[in-house]
PDB file of N, CA and C in Angstrom:
ATOM      1  N   MET A   1       0.723  -1.092   0.017  1.00  0.00           N
ATOM      2  CA  MET A   1      -0.002  -0.036   0.065  1.00  0.00           C
ATOM      3  C   MET A   1       0.802   1.255   0.100  1.00  0.00           C
ATOM      4  N   SER A   2       0.516   2.404  -0.912  1.00  0.00           N
ATOM      5  CA  SER A   2       1.365   3.405  -0.850  1.00  0.00           C
ATOM      6  C   SER A   2       1.235   4.310   0.339  1.00  0.00           C
ATOM      7  N   ASN A   3       2.116   4.959   0.432  1.00  0.00           N
ATOM      8  CA  ASN A   3       1.951   6.076   1.621  1.00  0.00           C
ATOM      9  C   ASN A   3       1.083   7.002   1.586  1.00  0.00           C
ATOM     10  N   GLN A   4       0.576   7.532   0.310  1.00  0.00           N
ATOM     11  CA  GLN A   4      -0.605   8.337   0.158  1.00  0.00           C
ATOM     12  C   GLN A   4      -1.916   7.514   0.527  1.00  0.00           C
ATOM     13  N   ARG A   5      -2.121   6.437   0.418  1.00  0.00           N
ATOM     14  CA  ARG A   5      -3.105   5.533   0.807  1.00  0.00           C
ATOM     15  C   ARG A   5      -3.230   5.422   2.236  1.00  0.00           C
ATOM     16  N   ILE A   6      -2.133   5.153   2.820  1.00  0.00           N
ATOM     17  CA  ILE A   6      -2.157   5.050   4.418  1.00  0.00           C
ATOM     18  C   ILE A   6      -2.483   6.512   4.945  1.00  0.00           C
ATOM     19  N   ALA A   7      -1.967   7.553   4.227  1.00  0.00           N
ATOM     20  CA  ALA A   7      -2.180   8.765   5.107  1.00  0.00           C
ATOM     21  C   ALA A   7      -3.551   9.139   4.886  1.00  0.00           C
ATOM     22  N   SER A   8      -4.294   8.802   3.719  1.00  0.00           N
ATOM     23  CA  SER A   8      -5.605   9.021   3.359  1.00  0.00           C
ATOM     24  C   SER A   8      -6.523   8.244   4.402  1.00  0.00           C
ATOM     25  N   ALA A   9      -5.986   7.108   4.669  1.00  0.00           N
ATOM     26  CA  ALA A   9      -6.873   6.237   5.500  1.00  0.00           C
ATOM     27  C   ALA A   9      -6.791   6.700   7.009  1.00  0.00           C
ATOM     28  N   ALA A  10      -5.590   7.132   7.331  1.00  0.00           N
ATOM     29  CA  ALA A  10      -5.522   7.684   8.582  1.00  0.00           C
ATOM     30  C   ALA A  10      -6.296   9.051   8.886  1.00  0.00           C
ATOM     31  N   VAL A  11      -6.244   9.802   7.736  1.00  0.00           N
ATOM     32  CA  VAL A  11      -7.017  11.049   8.010  1.00  0.00           C
ATOM     33  C   VAL A  11      -8.534  10.775   7.930  1.00  0.00           C
ATOM     34  N   LEU A  12      -8.898   9.861   7.192  1.00  0.00           N
ATOM     35  CA  LEU A  12     -10.360   9.325   7.112  1.00  0.00           C
ATOM     36  C   LEU A  12     -10.689   8.848   8.575  1.00  0.00           C
ATOM     37  N   ALA A  13      -9.993   8.079   9.223  1.00  0.00           N
ATOM     38  CA  ALA A  13     -10.359   7.462  10.456  1.00  0.00           C
ATOM     39  C   ALA A  13     -10.294   8.479  11.501  1.00  0.00           C
ATOM     40  N   ALA A  14      -9.422   9.368  11.332  1.00  0.00           N
ATOM     41  CA  ALA A  14      -9.385  10.652  12.448  1.00  0.00           C
ATOM     42  C   ALA A  14     -10.574  11.303  12.258  1.00  0.00           C
ATOM     43  N   CYS A  15     -11.146  11.798  10.864  1.00  0.00           N
ATOM     44  CA  CYS A  15     -12.106  12.506  10.749  1.00  0.00           C
ATOM     45  C   CYS A  15     -13.440  11.740  11.284  1.00  0.00           C
ATOM     46  N   LEU A  16     -13.507  10.517  10.940  1.00  0.00           N
ATOM     47  CA  LEU A  16     -14.758   9.883  11.594  1.00  0.00           C
ATOM     48  C   LEU A  16     -14.680   9.668  12.999  1.00  0.00           C
ATOM     49  N   ALA A  17     -13.717   9.570  13.832  1.00  0.00           N
ATOM     50  CA  ALA A  17     -13.610   9.778  15.005  1.00  0.00           C
ATOM     51  C   ALA A  17     -13.776  11.031  15.582  1.00  0.00           C
ATOM     52  N   ALA A  18     -13.456  12.092  15.122  1.00  0.00           N
ATOM     53  CA  ALA A  18     -13.783  13.421  15.511  1.00  0.00           C
ATOM     54  C   ALA A  18     -15.189  13.759  15.216  1.00  0.00           C
ATOM     55  N   ALA A  19     -15.672  13.156  14.191  1.00  0.00           N
ATOM     56  CA  ALA A  19     -17.169  13.416  13.835  1.00  0.00           C
ATOM     57  C   ALA A  19     -18.101  12.996  15.025  1.00  0.00           C
ATOM     58  N   ALA A  20     -17.688  11.958  15.788  1.00  0.00           N
ATOM     59  CA  ALA A  20     -18.475  11.308  16.549  1.00  0.00           C
ATOM     60  C   ALA A  20     -18.610  12.238  17.961  1.00  0.00           C
ATOM     61  N   VAL A  21     -17.704  13.106  18.044  1.00  0.00           N
ATOM     62  CA  VAL A  21     -17.747  14.123  19.017  1.00  0.00           C
ATOM     63  C   VAL A  21     -18.476  15.257  18.732  1.00  0.00           C
ATOM     64  N   PRO A  22     -19.542  15.748  19.380  1.00  0.00           N
ATOM     65  CA  PRO A  22     -20.266  16.822  19.131  1.00  0.00           C
ATOM     66  C   PRO A  22     -19.582  18.104  18.951  1.00  0.00           C
ATOM     67  N   ALA A  23     -18.387  18.339  19.874  1.00  0.00           N
ATOM     68  CA  ALA A  23     -17.762  19.579  19.692  1.00  0.00           C
ATOM     69  C   ALA A  23     -17.123  19.677  18.307  1.00  0.00           C
ATOM     70  N   GLN A  24     -16.859  18.568  17.605  1.00  0.00           N
ATOM     71  CA  GLN A  24     -16.071  18.785  16.235  1.00  0.00           C
ATOM     72  C   GLN A  24     -17.224  18.958  15.183  1.00  0.00           C
ATOM     73  N   ALA A  25     -18.255  19.600  15.317  1.00  0.00           N
ATOM     74  CA  ALA A  25     -19.195  19.783  14.236  1.00  0.00           C
ATOM     75  C   ALA A  25     -18.788  20.515  12.996  1.00  0.00           C
ATOM     76  N   GLY A  26     -19.125  19.934  11.870  1.00  0.00           N
ATOM     77  CA  GLY A  26     -18.751  20.495  10.746  1.00  0.00           C
ATOM     78  C   GLY A  26     -17.338  19.882  10.103  1.00  0.00           C
ATOM     79  N   CYS A  27     -16.591  19.221  10.976  1.00  0.00           N
ATOM     80  CA  CYS A  27     -15.392  18.652  10.599  1.00  0.00           C
ATOM     81  C   CYS A  27     -15.538  17.609   9.283  1.00  0.00           C
ATOM     82  N   LEU A  28     -16.438  16.655   9.559  1.00  0.00           N
ATOM     83  CA  LEU A  28     -16.487  15.660   8.502  1.00  0.00           C
ATOM     84  C   LEU A  28     -17.009  16.188   7.208  1.00  0.00           C
ATOM     85  N   LYS A  29     -17.874  16.884   7.238  1.00  0.00           N
ATOM     86  CA  LYS A  29     -18.344  17.515   5.969  1.00  0.00           C
ATOM     87  C   LYS A  29     -17.239  18.550   5.404  1.00  0.00           C
ATOM     88  N   GLY A  30     -16.552  19.254   6.155  1.00  0.00           N
ATOM     89  CA  GLY A  30     -15.368  20.019   5.601  1.00  0.00           C
ATOM     90  C   GLY A  30     -14.308  19.283   5.207  1.00  0.00           C
ATOM     91  N   ALA A  31     -14.193  18.051   5.744  1.00  0.00           N
ATOM     92  CA  ALA A  31     -12.967  17.207   5.324  1.00  0.00           C
ATOM     93  C   ALA A  31     -13.285  16.592   4.074  1.00  0.00           C
ATOM     94  N   VAL A  32     -14.506  16.379   3.864  1.00  0.00           N
ATOM     95  CA  VAL A  32     -14.892  15.577   2.564  1.00  0.00           C
ATOM     96  C   VAL A  32     -14.623  16.533   1.333  1.00  0.00           C
ATOM     97  N   VAL A  33     -15.320  17.838   1.618  1.00  0.00           N
ATOM     98  CA  VAL A  33     -15.203  18.881   0.621  1.00  0.00           C
ATOM     99  C   VAL A  33     -13.832  19.194   0.138  1.00  0.00           C
ATOM    100  N   GLY A  34     -13.044  19.403   1.345  1.00  0.00           N
ATOM    101  CA  GLY A  34     -11.535  19.819   1.292  1.00  0.00           C
ATOM    102  C   GLY A  34     -10.732  18.823   0.705  1.00  0.00           C
ATOM    103  N   GLY A  35     -11.010  17.491   0.951  1.00  0.00           N
ATOM    104  CA  GLY A  35     -10.358  16.343   0.168  1.00  0.00           C
ATOM    105  C   GLY A  35     -10.624  16.366  -1.102  1.00  0.00           C
ATOM    106  N   VAL A  36     -12.018  16.360  -1.589  1.00  0.00           N
ATOM    107  CA  VAL A  36     -12.135  16.569  -2.938  1.00  0.00           C
ATOM    108  C   VAL A  36     -11.409  17.639  -3.637  1.00  0.00           C
ATOM    109  N   GLY A  37     -11.615  18.691  -3.056  1.00  0.00           N
ATOM    110  CA  GLY A  37     -10.890  20.062  -3.604  1.00  0.00           C
ATOM    111  C   GLY A  37      -9.486  19.870  -3.798  1.00  0.00           C
ATOM    112  N   GLY A  38      -8.852  19.431  -2.799  1.00  0.00           N
ATOM    113  CA  GLY A  38      -7.256  19.289  -2.787  1.00  0.00           C
ATOM    114  C   GLY A  38      -6.970  18.192  -3.903  1.00  0.00           C
ATOM    115  N   HIS A  39      -7.813  17.329  -3.924  1.00  0.00           N
ATOM    116  CA  HIS A  39      -7.477  16.025  -5.002  1.00  0.00           C
ATOM    117  C   HIS A  39      -7.627  16.772  -6.219  1.00  0.00           C
ATOM    118  N   LEU A  40      -8.405  17.332  -6.537  1.00  0.00           N
ATOM    119  CA  LEU A  40      -8.714  18.111  -7.991  1.00  0.00           C
ATOM    120  C   LEU A  40      -7.650  19.220  -8.289  1.00  0.00           C
ATOM    121  N   ALA A  41      -7.127  19.744  -7.000  1.00  0.00           N
ATOM    122  CA  ALA A  41      -6.079  20.882  -7.174  1.00  0.00           C
ATOM    123  C   ALA A  41      -4.753  20.428  -7.263  1.00  0.00           C
ATOM    124  N   GLY A  42      -4.435  19.155  -7.567  1.00  0.00           N
ATOM    125  CA  GLY A  42      -3.043  18.610  -7.681  1.00  0.00           C
ATOM    126  C   GLY A  42      -2.731  17.613  -6.722  1.00  0.00           C
ATOM    127  N   HIS A  43      -3.653  16.603  -6.378  1.00  0.00           N
ATOM    128  CA  HIS A  43      -3.416  15.457  -5.642  1.00  0.00           C
ATOM    129  C   HIS A  43      -2.973  15.875  -4.298  1.00  0.00           C
ATOM    130  N   HIS A  44      -3.672  16.950  -3.658  1.00  0.00           N
ATOM    131  CA  HIS A  44      -3.387  17.271  -2.290  1.00  0.00           C
ATOM    132  C   HIS A  44      -4.486  16.974  -1.382  1.00  0.00           C
ATOM    133  N   ALA A  45      -5.055  15.661  -1.538  1.00  0.00           N
ATOM    134  CA  ALA A  45      -6.290  15.426  -0.598  1.00  0.00           C
ATOM    135  C   ALA A  45      -5.998  15.460   0.737  1.00  0.00           C
ATOM    136  N   VAL A  46      -4.925  15.004   1.355  1.00  0.00           N
ATOM    137  CA  VAL A  46      -4.831  15.018   2.626  1.00  0.00           C
ATOM    138  C   VAL A  46      -4.767  16.320   3.320  1.00  0.00           C
ATOM    139  N   ALA A  47      -3.880  17.217   2.614  1.00  0.00           N
ATOM    140  CA  ALA A  47      -3.995  18.627   2.862  1.00  0.00           C
ATOM    141  C   ALA A  47      -5.340  19.258   2.983  1.00  0.00           C
ATOM    142  N   GLY A  48      -6.004  19.056   1.789  1.00  0.00           N
ATOM    143  CA  GLY A  48      -7.324  19.609   1.666  1.00  0.00           C
ATOM    144  C   GLY A  48      -8.301  19.207   2.571  1.00  0.00           C
ATOM    145  N   ALA A  49      -8.195  17.853   3.170  1.00  0.00           N
ATOM    146  CA  ALA A  49      -9.059  17.236   4.147  1.00  0.00           C
ATOM    147  C   ALA A  49      -8.932  17.866   5.557  1.00  0.00           C
ATOM    148  N   VAL A  50      -7.604  18.175   5.775  1.00  0.00           N
ATOM    149  CA  VAL A  50      -7.022  18.830   7.226  1.00  0.00           C
ATOM    150  C   VAL A  50      -7.794  20.184   7.192  1.00  0.00           C
ATOM    151  N   VAL A  51      -7.578  21.012   6.131  1.00  0.00           N
ATOM    152  CA  VAL A  51      -7.938  22.414   6.142  1.00  0.00           C
ATOM    153  C   VAL A  51      -9.464  22.435   5.979  1.00  0.00           C
ATOM    154  N   GLY A  52     -10.000  21.686   5.184  1.00  0.00           N
ATOM    155  CA  GLY A  52     -11.544  21.612   5.193  1.00  0.00           C
ATOM    156  C   GLY A  52     -12.119  21.360   6.441  1.00  0.00           C
ATOM    157  N   CYS A  53     -11.457  20.357   7.402  1.00  0.00           N
ATOM    158  CA  CYS A  53     -11.999  19.853   8.744  1.00  0.00           C
ATOM    159  C   CYS A  53     -12.015  21.419   9.601  1.00  0.00           C
ATOM    160  N   ALA A  54     -10.733  21.908   9.558  1.00  0.00           N
ATOM    161  CA  ALA A  54     -10.755  23.174  10.324  1.00  0.00           C
ATOM    162  C   ALA A  54     -11.636  24.239   9.908  1.00  0.00           C
ATOM    163  N   VAL A  55     -11.839  24.464   8.711  1.00  0.00           N
ATOM    164  CA  VAL A  55     -12.897  25.371   8.069  1.00  0.00           C
ATOM    165  C   VAL A  55     -14.187  25.044   8.380  1.00  0.00           C
ATOM    166  N   GLY A  56     -14.481  23.807   8.232  1.00  0.00           N
ATOM    167  CA  GLY A  56     -15.832  23.209   8.545  1.00  0.00           C
ATOM    168  C   GLY A  56     -16.360  23.348  10.057  1.00  0.00           C
ATOM    169  N   HIS A  57     -15.388  23.003  10.907  1.00  0.00           N
ATOM    170  CA  HIS A  57     -15.564  23.226  12.167  1.00  0.00           C
ATOM    171  C   HIS A  57     -15.816  24.710  12.624  1.00  0.00           C
ATOM    172  N   HIS A  58     -14.898  25.660  12.044  1.00  0.00           N
ATOM    173  CA  HIS A  58     -15.269  27.091  12.258  1.00  0.00           C
ATOM    174  C   HIS A  58     -16.540  27.528  11.970  1.00  0.00           C
ATOM    175  N   LEU A  59     -16.909  27.181  10.698  1.00  0.00           N
ATOM    176  CA  LEU A  59     -18.061  27.704  10.234  1.00  0.00           C
ATOM    177  C   LEU A  59     -19.428  27.087  10.902  1.00  0.00           C
ATOM    178  N   ALA A  60     -19.213  25.805  11.368  1.00  0.00           N
ATOM    179  CA  ALA A  60     -20.296  25.328  12.229  1.00  0.00           C
ATOM    180  C   ALA A  60     -20.382  26.120  13.609  1.00  0.00           C
ATOM    181  N   VAL A  61     -19.276  26.321  14.237  1.00  0.00           N
ATOM    182  CA  VAL A  61     -19.233  27.077  15.434  1.00  0.00           C
ATOM    183  C   VAL A  61     -19.725  28.358  15.280  1.00  0.00           C
ATOM    184  N   LYS A  62     -19.400  29.102  14.189  1.00  0.00           N
ATOM    185  CA  LYS A  62     -20.022  30.383  13.825  1.00  0.00           C
ATOM    186  C   LYS A  62     -21.577  30.454  13.904  1.00  0.00           C
ATOM    187  N   LYS A  63     -22.143  29.428  12.902  1.00  0.00           N
ATOM    188  CA  LYS A  63     -23.465  29.381  12.788  1.00  0.00           C
ATOM    189  C   LYS A  63     -24.208  29.117  14.131  1.00  0.00           C
ATOM    190  N   GLU A  64     -23.635  28.424  14.835  1.00  0.00           N
ATOM    191  CA  GLU A  64     -24.330  27.988  16.254  1.00  0.00           C
ATOM    192  C   GLU A  64     -24.228  29.320  16.994  1.00  0.00           C
ATOM    193  N   ARG A  65     -23.167  29.926  17.124  1.00  0.00           N
ATOM    194  CA  ARG A  65     -23.142  31.255  17.971  1.00  0.00           C
ATOM    195  C   ARG A  65     -24.130  32.234  17.386  1.00  0.00           C
ATOM    196  N   GLU A  66     -24.364  32.296  16.008  1.00  0.00           N
ATOM    197  CA  GLU A  66     -25.308  33.186  15.684  1.00  0.00           C
ATOM    198  C   GLU A  66     -26.631  32.845  15.942  1.00  0.00           C
ATOM    199  N   ALA A  67     -26.952  31.521  15.816  1.00  0.00           N
ATOM    200  CA  ALA A  67     -28.234  30.886  16.167  1.00  0.00           C
ATOM    201  C   ALA A  67     -28.492  31.199  17.620  1.00  0.00           C
ATOM    202  N   ARG A  68     -27.543  31.187  18.504  1.00  0.00           N
ATOM    203  CA  ARG A  68     -27.811  31.534  19.958  1.00  0.00           C
ATOM    204  C   ARG A  68     -28.029  32.840  20.115  1.00  0.00           C
ATOM    205  N   ALA A  69     -27.345  33.773  19.383  1.00  0.00           N
ATOM    206  CA  ALA A  69     -27.557  35.043  19.624  1.00  0.00           C
ATOM    207  C   ALA A  69     -29.122  35.560  19.061  1.00  0.00           C
ATOM    208  N   ALA A  70     -29.510  34.908  18.035  1.00  0.00           N
ATOM    209  CA  ALA A  70     -30.788  35.252  17.369  1.00  0.00           C
ATOM    210  C   ALA A  70     -31.825  34.864  18.334  1.00  0.00           C
ATOM    211  N   ALA A  71     -31.683  33.554  19.051  1.00  0.00           N
ATOM    212  CA  ALA A  71     -32.643  33.083  19.918  1.00  0.00           C
ATOM    213  C   ALA A  71     -32.777  33.857  21.263  1.00  0.00           C
ATOM    214  N   ALA A  72     -31.377  34.489  21.534  1.00  0.00           N
ATOM    215  CA  ALA A  72     -31.485  35.439  22.787  1.00  0.00           C
ATOM    216  C   ALA A  72     -32.183  36.755  22.426  1.00  0.00           C
ATOM    217  N   ALA A  73     -31.895  37.187  21.265  1.00  0.00           N
ATOM    218  CA  ALA A  73     -32.523  38.397  20.868  1.00  0.00           C
ATOM    219  C   ALA A  73     -34.129  38.315  20.544  1.00  0.00           C
ATOM    220  N   ASN A  74     -34.374  37.116  20.319  1.00  0.00           N
ATOM    221  CA  ASN A  74     -35.969  36.877  20.280  1.00  0.00           C
ATOM    222  C   ASN A  74     -36.621  36.679  21.507  1.00  0.00           C
ATOM    223  N   ARG A  75     -35.843  36.285  22.567  1.00  0.00           N
ATOM    224  CA  ARG A  75     -36.441  35.957  23.935  1.00  0.00           C
ATOM    225  C   ARG A  75     -36.487  37.292  24.651  1.00  0.00           C
ATOM    226  N   ALA A  76     -35.315  38.264  24.500  1.00  0.00           N
ATOM    227  CA  ALA A  76     -35.373  39.405  25.280  1.00  0.00           C
ATOM    228  C   ALA A  76     -36.570  40.408  25.126  1.00  0.00           C
ATOM    229  N   PRO A  77     -37.115  40.714  23.869  1.00  0.00           N
ATOM    230  CA  PRO A  77     -38.311  41.563  23.738  1.00  0.00           C
ATOM    231  C   PRO A  77     -39.449  40.922  24.290  1.00  0.00           C
ATOM    232  N   ALA A  78     -39.599  39.635  24.261  1.00  0.00           N
ATOM    233  CA  ALA A  78     -40.766  38.989  24.642  1.00  0.00           C
ATOM    234  C   ALA A  78     -40.745  39.144  26.131  1.00  0.00           C
ATOM    235  N   SER A  79     -39.795  39.057  26.952  1.00  0.00           N
ATOM    236  CA  SER A  79     -39.960  39.217  28.227  1.00  0.00           C
ATOM    237  C   SER A  79     -40.058  40.520  28.639  1.00  0.00           C
ATOM    238  N   ALA A  80     -39.741  41.466  27.759  1.00  0.00           N
ATOM    239  CA  ALA A  80     -39.909  42.981  28.099  1.00  0.00           C
ATOM    240  C   ALA A  80     -41.339  43.330  27.865  1.00  0.00           C
ATOM    241  N   ALA A  81     -41.952  42.701  26.920  1.00  0.00           N
ATOM    242  CA  ALA A  81     -43.262  43.049  26.610  1.00  0.00           C
ATOM    243  C   ALA A  81     -44.466  42.555  27.546  1.00  0.00           C
ATOM    244  N   THR A  82     -43.978  41.426  28.500  1.00  0.00           N
ATOM    245  CA  THR A  82     -44.822  40.941  29.359  1.00  0.00           C
ATOM    246  C   THR A  82     -44.827  41.880  30.768  1.00  0.00           C
ATOM    247  N   ARG A  83     -44.042  42.726  30.815  1.00  0.00           N
ATOM    248  CA  ARG A  83     -43.928  43.588  31.989  1.00  0.00           C
ATOM    249  C   ARG A  83     -44.987  44.682  32.155  1.00  0.00           C
TER     250      ARG A  83
END
């Protein structure tokens, strides 16, 4: 087995293990997209998967933070209106 296949299998296993942890939201999806993009951009699938995992996680955390802020903003006027 070539070194690239071993490295790809290791990254896939790490991403699958990380995807099982809720704190790593977005990692698996980002890793898949990054891996495909890296492969198409010159056979850099492993590097693309690593970067995609980081970006996917960042975007998932950002989306969750925005959802919490929107929910808090929606709750605040409702409690002020009941006074």
